[in-house]
């Protein structure tokens, strides 16, 4: 007896998949066209309000063009209907915007229609060569016999070495036919077009796994520690729990190699610059092939984002889950069910019990958390009488005597000394002629400041002179300062300065 019954069951299961139900709908052609117009490879997600408006606009254009067999309903109603058919999924973006995304079933249907719209030869040299190379590479990587692997690698190395030597010796570069290029580009476009649905299938697997774990957490009455242990164990196996996750884990390990992606981009650029590519490919095909690397990166990012959302959702559930509160709610519902069953045994067919929609608000007196402290309301202590400690009256002259140097008076005194007929011996001798109000210690600093910014003075750091200062209170202090004297020119009848004369010193001049 043949296994026709089993074959029928398997075929029936395939026809029950959302991919074939979409293709066998009464308005399948219109729905596929709407999906292709609204969703592109660069725009895999569309805001909900925008998609509703797009569907309404597309249907109006089809009616104007004379198409009569159109689905009924507005754009919003059609999107909700397609969500129930598992062709669209609605989610919330990171910024809070509701978006629509094609499911893997809808993308498989679109890929099938796209592949049928391209011309493809049933049998060609490229297809046979692709099969031979794929089988050869598969055998090289999977053959358990060490010797067989070595033989395969040696034969491949010999073949490539002969081809390299032939090209280096000036041999002819073999040219492929236009049919070979057409078949190659067709298969390449078909493989690239299948990538979005593959990535979407992995995302859906993670979403289903999240829902499964949450259902098990809510259904099972276990301790919080057991729930956390189960979550950690399942989170470690997120990538290996499903066939899609295991496949993506292997592809991710391969595709995160930047050198491999760079090689892929360079190979695609070389193929697109082939002389026959301009005649074979249209603008859309060239754009799809050129964006393959970007498509792969976006697909990987989308899957990783979905995986992070699963982990974040589970972590938030673990942190906010309160087993004791859930148990109390469950006990309360059981008591209500028991009371309802008891009431039904004595109540009549039209008996009603008024129940408020929300429970009444409880009036609970406020319990003080802090007791009254009389010190908090006590006033500040009285101020002490310090009148007896008040200092004496100060005049303006007393305040000025405690201030900084009198620069204006010092500058006037220096200018008058330089303009006098009697030559100035040194700055210390000039300071000794000032009145006591200009001989404060601070006036020495002011005098040095003025002399530093004036020309015509020389500094002798090896010799010193003493400045006799008087404080405002009458006390005295001597300050030792390097010798500063005016410069004497030959026209003055004196060679050099007074400080250069033999036997001249600050002390003798001052005395």
Protein backbone atom coordinates (compact mmCIF):
# COMPACT_ATOMS: atom_id res chain seq x y z
CA UNK A 1 0.00 0.00 0.00
CA UNK A 2 1.41 3.32 -1.01
CA UNK A 3 1.91 6.16 1.44
CA UNK A 4 -0.50 8.41 -0.41
CA UNK A 5 -2.42 9.17 2.76
CA UNK A 6 0.70 10.48 4.46
CA UNK A 7 1.62 12.49 1.35
CA UNK A 8 -1.85 14.05 1.35
CA UNK A 9 -1.48 14.99 5.01
CA UNK A 10 1.90 16.60 4.39
CA UNK A 11 0.58 18.50 1.35
CA UNK A 12 -2.49 19.62 3.29
CA UNK A 13 -0.24 20.90 6.06
CA UNK A 14 1.78 22.87 3.52
CA UNK A 15 -1.38 24.36 2.01
CA UNK A 16 -2.54 25.40 5.46
CA UNK A 17 0.57 27.55 5.88
CA UNK A 18 -0.06 31.32 5.64
CA UNK A 19 2.24 31.52 2.61
CA UNK A 20 0.02 29.38 0.38
CA UNK A 21 -3.22 30.72 1.84
CA UNK A 22 -2.08 34.17 0.73
CA UNK A 23 -1.27 32.98 -2.79
CA UNK A 24 -4.61 31.15 -3.12
CA UNK A 25 -6.81 34.00 -1.90
CA UNK A 26 -9.42 35.36 -4.24
CA UNK A 27 -7.64 38.74 -4.27
CA UNK A 28 -4.09 37.35 -4.02
CA UNK A 29 -2.83 39.30 -7.03
CA UNK A 30 -3.99 42.63 -5.62
CA UNK A 31 -2.72 41.88 -2.11
CA UNK A 32 0.72 40.86 -3.38
CA UNK A 33 0.89 44.02 -5.50
CA UNK A 34 -0.10 46.17 -2.52
CA UNK A 35 2.57 44.54 -0.36
CA UNK A 36 5.23 45.06 -3.03
CA UNK A 37 4.25 48.69 -3.40
CA UNK A 38 4.16 49.49 0.32
CA UNK A 39 7.11 47.43 1.56
CA UNK A 40 10.53 47.52 -0.03
CA UNK A 41 13.83 46.02 0.97
CA UNK A 42 14.99 49.36 2.40
CA UNK A 43 11.65 50.01 4.15
CA UNK A 44 10.71 46.81 5.91
CA UNK A 45 8.54 48.63 8.47
CA UNK A 46 5.83 51.22 7.73
CA UNK A 47 3.99 53.36 10.33
CA UNK A 48 0.42 52.18 10.85
CA UNK A 49 -1.30 55.43 9.87
CA UNK A 50 0.87 55.77 6.77
CA UNK A 51 0.15 52.20 5.60
CA UNK A 52 -3.60 52.73 6.03
CA UNK A 53 -3.43 55.83 3.84
CA UNK A 54 -1.19 54.09 1.27
CA UNK A 55 -3.59 51.16 0.90
CA UNK A 56 -6.53 53.54 0.37
CA UNK A 57 -4.53 55.47 -2.23
CA UNK A 58 -3.42 52.33 -4.08
CA UNK A 59 -6.99 51.01 -4.22
CA UNK A 60 -8.23 54.35 -5.61
CA UNK A 61 -5.58 54.21 -8.35
CA UNK A 62 -6.60 50.66 -9.24
CA UNK A 63 -10.27 51.66 -9.45
CA UNK A 64 -9.37 54.57 -11.72
CA UNK A 65 -7.37 52.15 -13.90
CA UNK A 66 -10.48 49.98 -14.34
CA UNK A 67 -9.63 47.10 -11.99
CA UNK A 68 -12.87 45.70 -10.55
CA UNK A 69 -11.83 42.64 -8.54
CA UNK A 70 -10.62 44.51 -5.46
CA UNK A 71 -10.91 43.63 -1.77
CA UNK A 72 -13.59 45.51 0.12
CA UNK A 73 -12.95 47.65 3.14
CA UNK A 74 -10.76 50.58 4.10
CA UNK A 75 -7.03 50.46 4.46
CA UNK A 76 -7.29 50.00 8.23
CA UNK A 77 -9.82 47.17 7.91
CA UNK A 78 -7.68 45.39 5.33
CA UNK A 79 -4.57 45.65 7.50
CA UNK A 80 -6.43 44.16 10.45
CA UNK A 81 -7.70 41.36 8.20
CA UNK A 82 -4.18 40.67 6.97
CA UNK A 83 -2.95 40.58 10.57
CA UNK A 84 -5.46 37.81 11.32
CA UNK A 85 -4.15 35.98 8.25
CA UNK A 86 -0.59 36.16 9.69
CA UNK A 87 0.74 38.22 6.80
CA UNK A 88 1.21 41.44 8.77
CA UNK A 89 2.38 42.02 12.31
CA UNK A 90 1.86 45.24 14.22
CA UNK A 91 4.32 46.31 16.89
CA UNK A 92 5.50 49.43 18.68
CA UNK A 93 8.74 51.08 17.63
CA UNK A 94 11.34 52.41 20.07
CA UNK A 95 9.86 55.92 19.83
CA UNK A 96 6.32 54.67 20.58
CA UNK A 97 5.06 54.66 16.96
CA UNK A 98 2.89 51.73 15.83
CA UNK A 99 4.38 50.07 12.75
CA UNK A 100 3.46 47.23 10.39
CA UNK A 101 5.95 44.61 9.24
CA UNK A 102 5.56 41.76 6.79
CA UNK A 103 5.75 38.32 8.35
CA UNK A 104 8.08 35.66 6.99
CA UNK A 105 5.09 33.95 5.36
CA UNK A 106 4.22 37.09 3.37
CA UNK A 107 7.86 37.62 2.39
CA UNK A 108 8.12 34.01 1.18
CA UNK A 109 5.08 34.59 -1.00
CA UNK A 110 6.60 37.80 -2.39
CA UNK A 111 9.89 36.01 -3.09
CA UNK A 112 8.08 33.25 -4.95
CA UNK A 113 6.23 35.76 -7.11
CA UNK A 114 9.44 37.69 -7.73
CA UNK A 115 11.29 34.57 -8.80
CA UNK A 116 8.51 33.71 -11.24
CA UNK A 117 8.67 37.18 -12.79
CA UNK A 118 12.33 36.66 -13.75
CA UNK A 119 13.35 34.68 -16.79
CA UNK A 120 15.23 31.56 -15.78
CA UNK A 121 16.51 28.72 -17.91
CA UNK A 122 15.49 25.26 -16.73
CA UNK A 123 18.93 23.78 -17.39
CA UNK A 124 22.20 25.53 -18.07
CA UNK A 125 25.95 25.22 -17.77
CA UNK A 126 25.96 27.61 -14.80
CA UNK A 127 23.42 25.55 -12.87
CA UNK A 128 25.33 22.31 -13.40
CA UNK A 129 28.61 23.98 -12.44
CA UNK A 130 27.00 25.46 -9.33
CA UNK A 131 25.73 22.05 -8.26
CA UNK A 132 29.12 20.42 -8.87
CA UNK A 133 30.98 23.12 -6.93
CA UNK A 134 28.50 23.05 -4.07
CA UNK A 135 28.73 19.26 -3.76
CA UNK A 136 32.53 19.40 -3.96
CA UNK A 137 32.75 22.08 -1.24
CA UNK A 138 30.22 20.27 0.93
CA UNK A 139 32.14 17.01 0.64
CA UNK A 140 35.41 18.78 1.48
CA UNK A 141 33.98 20.20 4.69
CA UNK A 142 31.95 17.17 5.79
CA UNK A 143 34.00 14.12 4.72
CA UNK A 144 35.18 12.31 7.88
CA UNK A 145 38.05 10.56 6.04
CA UNK A 146 41.30 12.47 6.56
CA UNK A 147 42.93 11.00 3.46
CA UNK A 148 39.93 11.83 1.29
CA UNK A 149 40.01 15.43 2.44
CA UNK A 150 43.71 15.69 1.70
CA UNK A 151 43.20 14.25 -1.81
CA UNK A 152 40.40 16.70 -2.53
CA UNK A 153 42.48 19.66 -1.34
CA UNK A 154 45.54 18.50 -3.33
CA UNK A 155 43.50 18.17 -6.51
CA UNK A 156 41.98 21.60 -5.99
CA UNK A 157 45.40 23.14 -5.30
CA UNK A 158 46.83 21.53 -8.46
CA UNK A 159 43.95 22.77 -10.58
CA UNK A 160 44.23 26.31 -9.27
CA UNK A 161 48.02 26.28 -9.62
CA UNK A 162 47.81 25.22 -13.27
CA UNK A 163 45.25 27.91 -13.98
CA UNK A 164 47.38 30.56 -12.26
CA UNK A 165 50.52 29.53 -14.14
CA UNK A 166 48.66 29.55 -17.43
CA UNK A 167 47.42 33.09 -16.85
CA UNK A 168 50.87 34.27 -15.76
CA UNK A 169 52.37 32.84 -18.95
CA UNK A 170 50.02 34.95 -21.04
CA UNK A 171 47.26 32.47 -21.69
CA UNK A 172 43.85 33.59 -22.90
CA UNK A 173 41.31 34.68 -20.27
CA UNK A 174 38.21 32.50 -20.78
CA UNK A 175 35.08 34.47 -21.55
CA UNK A 176 31.71 33.36 -20.25
CA UNK A 177 28.57 33.54 -22.37
CA UNK A 178 25.70 35.93 -21.87
CA UNK A 179 23.42 33.05 -20.89
CA UNK A 180 25.89 32.01 -18.20
CA UNK A 181 25.93 35.54 -16.76
CA UNK A 182 22.13 35.75 -16.95
CA UNK A 183 21.75 32.49 -15.05
CA UNK A 184 24.34 33.53 -12.47
CA UNK A 185 22.76 36.91 -11.79
CA UNK A 186 19.33 35.26 -11.57
CA UNK A 187 20.42 32.79 -8.92
CA UNK A 188 22.28 35.51 -7.03
CA UNK A 189 19.23 37.78 -6.99
CA UNK A 190 17.09 34.88 -5.82
CA UNK A 191 19.45 34.16 -2.92
CA UNK A 192 19.61 37.82 -1.92
CA UNK A 193 15.83 38.21 -2.12
CA UNK A 194 15.38 35.33 0.34
CA UNK A 195 17.47 37.02 3.06
CA UNK A 196 14.72 39.33 4.49
CA UNK A 197 12.31 36.42 5.00
CA UNK A 198 15.07 34.36 6.64
CA UNK A 199 15.85 37.14 9.09
CA UNK A 200 12.13 37.72 9.74
CA UNK A 201 11.69 34.02 10.49
CA UNK A 202 14.37 34.21 13.17
CA UNK A 203 12.73 37.30 14.69
CA UNK A 204 9.38 35.50 14.80
CA UNK A 205 11.03 32.52 16.47
CA UNK A 206 12.33 34.78 19.25
CA UNK A 207 8.91 36.39 19.65
CA UNK A 208 7.23 32.97 19.92
CA UNK A 209 9.84 31.84 22.42
CA UNK A 210 9.19 34.92 24.55
CA UNK A 211 5.45 34.26 24.57
CA UNK A 212 6.04 30.60 25.45
CA UNK A 213 8.29 31.45 28.40
CA UNK A 214 5.86 34.09 29.70
CA UNK A 215 2.95 31.64 29.48
CA UNK A 216 4.90 29.04 31.40
CA UNK A 217 5.87 31.59 34.04
CA UNK A 218 2.26 32.71 34.53
CA UNK A 219 0.82 29.20 34.55
CA UNK A 220 3.28 27.54 36.92
CA UNK A 221 2.98 28.11 40.66
CA UNK A 222 6.60 28.06 41.70
CA UNK A 223 8.92 29.99 43.94
CA UNK A 224 10.65 33.09 42.65
CA UNK A 225 14.03 31.34 42.82
CA UNK A 226 12.83 28.51 40.57
CA UNK A 227 11.41 31.01 38.07
CA UNK A 228 14.70 32.92 37.97
CA UNK A 229 16.70 29.71 37.49
CA UNK A 230 14.44 28.65 34.64
CA UNK A 231 14.74 32.09 33.04
CA UNK A 232 18.54 32.05 33.23
CA UNK A 233 18.67 28.55 31.78
CA UNK A 234 16.39 29.45 28.89
CA UNK A 235 18.11 32.77 28.24
CA UNK A 236 21.39 30.91 27.77
CA UNK A 237 19.76 28.69 25.12
CA UNK A 238 17.77 31.36 23.27
CA UNK A 239 19.93 31.00 20.17
CA UNK A 240 19.88 27.18 20.21
CA UNK A 241 16.28 26.52 21.29
CA UNK A 242 14.92 26.59 17.71
CA UNK A 243 16.18 25.57 14.31
CA UNK A 244 16.00 29.17 13.14
CA UNK A 245 18.06 30.32 16.12
CA UNK A 246 20.73 27.70 15.52
CA UNK A 247 20.91 28.63 11.85
CA UNK A 248 21.22 32.30 12.65
CA UNK A 249 23.92 31.60 15.24
CA UNK A 250 26.02 29.91 12.58
CA UNK A 251 25.36 32.65 10.03
CA UNK A 252 26.09 35.34 12.59
CA UNK A 253 29.45 33.79 13.41
CA UNK A 254 30.29 33.90 9.70
CA UNK A 255 28.84 37.31 8.87
CA UNK A 256 30.42 39.24 11.72
CA UNK A 257 33.76 38.74 9.98
CA UNK A 258 34.48 42.19 8.54
CA UNK A 259 37.03 40.82 6.09
CA UNK A 260 34.46 38.42 4.67
CA UNK A 261 31.90 41.22 4.23
CA UNK A 262 34.55 43.40 2.59
CA UNK A 263 35.38 40.57 0.19
CA UNK A 264 31.66 40.17 -0.57
CA UNK A 265 31.33 43.88 -1.34
CA UNK A 266 34.39 43.82 -3.62
CA UNK A 267 33.14 40.73 -5.48
CA UNK A 268 29.71 42.30 -6.01
CA UNK A 269 31.32 45.49 -7.32
CA UNK A 270 33.41 43.47 -9.76
CA UNK A 271 30.34 41.57 -11.00
CA UNK A 272 28.32 44.77 -11.42
CA UNK A 273 31.14 46.30 -13.46
CA UNK A 274 31.19 43.35 -15.86
CA UNK A 275 30.55 44.41 -19.49
CA UNK A 276 27.43 42.22 -19.82
CA UNK A 277 25.91 43.32 -16.50
CA UNK A 278 24.64 46.56 -18.06
CA UNK A 279 22.48 44.62 -20.52
CA UNK A 280 21.29 41.92 -18.10
CA UNK A 281 20.39 43.87 -14.96
CA UNK A 282 17.91 46.68 -14.59
CA UNK A 283 18.25 49.51 -12.08
CA UNK A 284 16.29 47.70 -9.37
CA UNK A 285 18.43 44.56 -9.66
CA UNK A 286 21.65 46.55 -9.54
CA UNK A 287 20.42 48.42 -6.48
CA UNK A 288 19.47 45.17 -4.74
CA UNK A 289 22.86 43.57 -5.38
CA UNK A 290 24.78 46.68 -4.40
CA UNK A 291 22.94 46.85 -1.08
CA UNK A 292 23.45 43.21 -0.13
CA UNK A 293 25.99 43.94 2.60
CA UNK A 294 23.77 46.64 4.08
CA UNK A 295 20.81 44.25 3.96
CA UNK A 296 22.79 41.63 5.88
CA UNK A 297 23.86 44.14 8.52
CA UNK A 298 20.31 45.47 8.97
CA UNK A 299 18.96 41.93 9.26
CA UNK A 300 21.50 41.01 11.91
CA UNK A 301 20.76 44.21 13.84
CA UNK A 302 17.01 43.51 13.69
CA UNK A 303 17.44 39.98 15.03
CA UNK A 304 19.76 41.11 17.80
CA UNK A 305 17.32 43.89 18.71
CA UNK A 306 14.48 41.38 18.95
CA UNK A 307 16.64 39.12 21.11
CA UNK A 308 17.45 42.05 23.41
CA UNK A 309 13.74 42.86 23.65
CA UNK A 310 13.03 39.28 24.69
CA UNK A 311 15.68 39.45 27.38
CA UNK A 312 14.47 42.86 28.58
CA UNK A 313 10.84 41.67 28.73
CA UNK A 314 11.74 38.59 30.70
CA UNK A 315 13.98 40.56 33.06
CA UNK A 316 11.22 43.09 33.70
CA UNK A 317 8.73 40.29 34.36
CA UNK A 318 11.11 38.65 36.82
CA UNK A 319 11.70 41.92 38.65
CA UNK A 320 8.03 42.88 38.90
CA UNK A 321 6.56 39.41 39.46
CA UNK A 322 5.11 38.97 42.94
CA UNK A 323 4.26 35.35 43.64
CA UNK A 324 2.56 36.10 46.96
CA UNK A 325 0.27 38.68 45.41
CA UNK A 326 -0.66 36.34 42.54
CA UNK A 327 -1.43 33.58 45.02
CA UNK A 328 -3.68 35.92 47.02
CA UNK A 329 -5.53 36.95 43.87
CA UNK A 330 -5.98 33.30 42.86
CA UNK A 331 -7.38 32.42 46.30
CA UNK A 332 -9.76 35.37 46.15
CA UNK A 333 -11.07 34.31 42.74
CA UNK A 334 -11.57 30.74 43.99
CA UNK A 335 -13.56 31.99 46.97
CA UNK A 336 -15.72 34.12 44.67
CA UNK A 337 -16.35 31.10 42.45
CA UNK A 338 -17.36 29.00 45.47
CA UNK A 339 -19.72 31.69 46.75
CA UNK A 340 -21.21 32.07 43.28
CA UNK A 341 -21.88 28.32 43.07
CA UNK A 342 -23.53 28.36 46.51
CA UNK A 343 -25.67 31.37 45.56
CA UNK A 344 -26.83 29.74 42.33
CA UNK A 345 -28.39 26.87 44.34
CA UNK A 346 -30.84 29.22 46.09
CA UNK A 347 -31.25 32.09 43.60
CA UNK A 348 -34.12 32.31 41.16
CA UNK A 349 -33.79 32.61 37.37
CA UNK A 350 -34.20 36.42 37.42
CA UNK A 351 -32.37 37.18 40.62
CA UNK A 352 -29.74 39.88 40.26
CA UNK A 353 -27.03 41.08 42.58
CA UNK A 354 -25.90 44.71 42.18
CA UNK A 355 -22.13 44.79 41.99
CA UNK A 356 -20.09 48.00 41.64
CA UNK A 357 -17.68 48.14 38.73
CA UNK A 358 -14.92 49.24 41.08
CA UNK A 359 -14.60 48.54 44.81
CA UNK A 360 -15.36 51.38 47.20
CA UNK A 361 -12.47 53.49 48.31
CA UNK A 362 -11.25 52.77 51.81
CA UNK A 363 -11.00 55.65 54.28
CA UNK A 364 -7.87 55.04 56.32
CA UNK A 365 -6.77 57.53 58.96
CA UNK A 366 -3.30 58.87 58.46
CA UNK A 367 -0.76 57.45 60.84
CA UNK A 368 1.85 59.92 61.90
CA UNK A 369 5.36 58.88 61.08
CA UNK A 370 7.02 61.59 63.22
CA UNK A 371 6.06 62.71 66.70
CA UNK A 372 5.83 66.33 67.80
CA UNK A 373 9.08 67.88 68.91
CA UNK A 374 8.70 71.21 70.79
CA UNK A 375 12.23 72.18 69.85
CA UNK A 376 11.16 72.41 66.19
CA UNK A 377 8.83 75.36 67.03
CA UNK A 378 11.18 77.11 69.49
CA UNK A 379 12.45 80.54 68.48
CA UNK A 380 16.10 81.38 67.99
CA UNK A 381 18.13 82.23 71.14
CA UNK A 382 18.47 85.95 72.05
CA UNK A 383 21.45 87.85 70.74
CA UNK A 384 24.29 88.60 73.14
CA UNK A 385 25.15 92.20 74.04
CA UNK A 386 28.69 92.85 72.75
CA UNK A 387 28.62 96.62 73.07
CA UNK A 388 31.60 96.55 75.44
CA UNK A 389 33.73 94.84 72.78
CA UNK A 390 33.13 97.53 70.19
CA UNK A 391 36.40 98.96 68.81
CA UNK A 392 37.18 102.63 68.92
CA UNK A 393 36.29 105.12 66.22
CA UNK A 394 38.45 105.03 63.08
CA UNK A 395 39.13 108.06 60.94
CA UNK A 396 39.75 108.10 57.20
CA UNK A 397 43.44 108.79 57.82
CA UNK A 398 43.66 105.72 60.07
CA UNK A 399 42.05 103.57 57.40
CA UNK A 400 44.36 104.90 54.70
CA UNK A 401 47.38 104.24 56.94
CA UNK A 402 46.44 100.54 56.95
CA UNK A 403 46.06 100.44 53.18
CA UNK A 404 48.41 99.91 50.26
CA UNK A 405 51.25 102.08 49.00
CA UNK A 406 50.69 105.73 48.04
CA UNK A 407 51.78 105.40 44.41
CA UNK A 408 50.87 108.93 43.34
CA UNK A 409 52.86 110.60 46.15
CA UNK A 410 55.81 108.23 45.63
CA UNK A 411 55.88 108.93 41.88
CA UNK A 412 55.86 112.71 42.55
CA UNK A 413 58.71 112.40 45.03
CA UNK A 414 60.85 110.35 42.62
CA UNK A 415 60.23 112.77 39.75
CA UNK A 416 61.22 115.76 41.93
CA UNK A 417 64.38 113.97 43.11
CA UNK A 418 65.43 113.20 39.51
CA UNK A 419 64.78 116.80 38.42
CA UNK A 420 66.72 118.37 41.35
CA UNK A 421 70.19 119.83 40.86
CA UNK A 422 71.71 117.67 43.55
CA UNK A 423 72.40 114.20 42.13
CA UNK A 424 70.48 111.28 43.61
CA UNK A 425 72.81 108.79 45.34
CA UNK A 426 70.48 105.81 45.70
CA UNK A 427 66.85 104.90 46.14
CA UNK A 428 67.41 104.09 49.82
CA UNK A 429 68.77 107.57 50.51
CA UNK A 430 65.73 109.07 48.76
CA UNK A 431 63.41 106.92 50.93
CA UNK A 432 65.10 108.25 54.06
CA UNK A 433 64.13 111.84 53.14
CA UNK A 434 60.39 111.06 53.03
CA UNK A 435 58.05 112.04 55.84
CA UNK A 436 56.94 109.27 58.17
CA UNK A 437 53.57 108.83 56.41
CA UNK A 438 55.49 107.74 53.24
CA UNK A 439 57.96 105.53 55.07
CA UNK A 440 55.64 102.66 55.93
CA UNK A 441 56.95 99.15 55.05
CA UNK A 442 54.38 98.88 52.32
CA UNK A 443 55.73 102.05 50.69
CA UNK A 444 59.00 100.20 49.97
CA UNK A 445 57.06 97.76 47.78
CA UNK A 446 55.32 100.62 45.99
CA UNK A 447 58.64 102.41 45.41
CA UNK A 448 60.24 99.26 43.95
CA UNK A 449 57.21 98.80 41.71
CA UNK A 450 57.56 102.32 40.31
CA UNK A 451 61.33 102.05 39.74
CA UNK A 452 60.93 98.70 37.92
CA UNK A 453 58.71 100.37 35.31
CA UNK A 454 61.00 103.45 34.93
CA UNK A 455 64.15 103.86 32.84
CA UNK A 456 67.41 105.38 34.11
CA UNK A 457 68.03 103.15 37.14
CA UNK A 458 70.47 100.31 37.61
CA UNK A 459 70.19 97.37 40.08
CA UNK A 460 73.17 95.97 41.93
CA UNK A 461 72.08 92.63 43.39
CA UNK A 462 75.44 92.02 45.06
CA UNK A 463 75.26 95.12 47.27
CA UNK A 464 72.52 95.96 49.76
CA UNK A 465 71.18 99.05 51.50
CA UNK A 466 68.88 99.40 54.46
CA UNK A 467 65.46 101.06 54.38
CA UNK A 468 64.34 102.43 57.78
CA UNK A 469 60.55 102.19 57.82
CA UNK A 470 57.98 103.49 60.31
CA UNK A 471 54.66 101.72 60.94
CA UNK A 472 51.45 103.70 61.56
CA UNK A 473 51.64 102.86 65.28
CA UNK A 474 55.13 104.42 65.49
CA UNK A 475 57.13 101.18 65.63
CA UNK A 476 60.12 100.88 63.31
CA UNK A 477 61.55 98.15 61.14
CA UNK A 478 64.60 97.87 58.87
CA UNK A 479 64.37 96.27 55.46
CA UNK A 480 67.43 95.17 53.45
CA UNK A 481 66.99 95.81 49.70
CA UNK A 482 69.43 95.42 46.74
CA UNK A 483 71.17 98.70 45.85
CA UNK A 484 69.28 100.77 43.26
CA UNK A 485 70.93 103.94 41.88
CA UNK A 486 70.34 106.26 38.93
CA UNK A 487 72.54 105.95 35.82
CA UNK A 488 75.02 108.88 35.33
CA UNK A 489 76.04 109.87 31.77
CA UNK A 490 79.36 111.41 30.64
CA UNK A 491 77.61 114.69 29.87
CA UNK A 492 76.88 115.10 33.57
CA UNK A 493 80.63 115.34 34.29
CA UNK A 494 80.50 112.14 36.35
CA UNK A 495 81.60 108.79 34.97
CA UNK A 496 79.27 105.99 35.97
CA UNK A 497 77.02 106.06 39.00
CA UNK A 498 77.62 107.03 42.56
CA UNK A 499 77.52 103.37 43.46
CA UNK A 500 80.61 102.83 41.21
CA UNK A 501 82.79 105.34 43.09
CA UNK A 502 85.58 103.87 45.20
CA UNK A 503 84.66 103.80 48.87
CA UNK A 504 80.97 104.67 48.26
CA UNK A 505 78.48 102.49 50.07
CA UNK A 506 74.84 102.59 50.98
CA UNK A 507 75.60 102.77 54.61
CA UNK A 508 77.93 105.79 54.38
CA UNK A 509 75.63 107.65 52.03
CA UNK A 510 72.68 107.04 54.28
CA UNK A 511 74.56 108.17 57.32
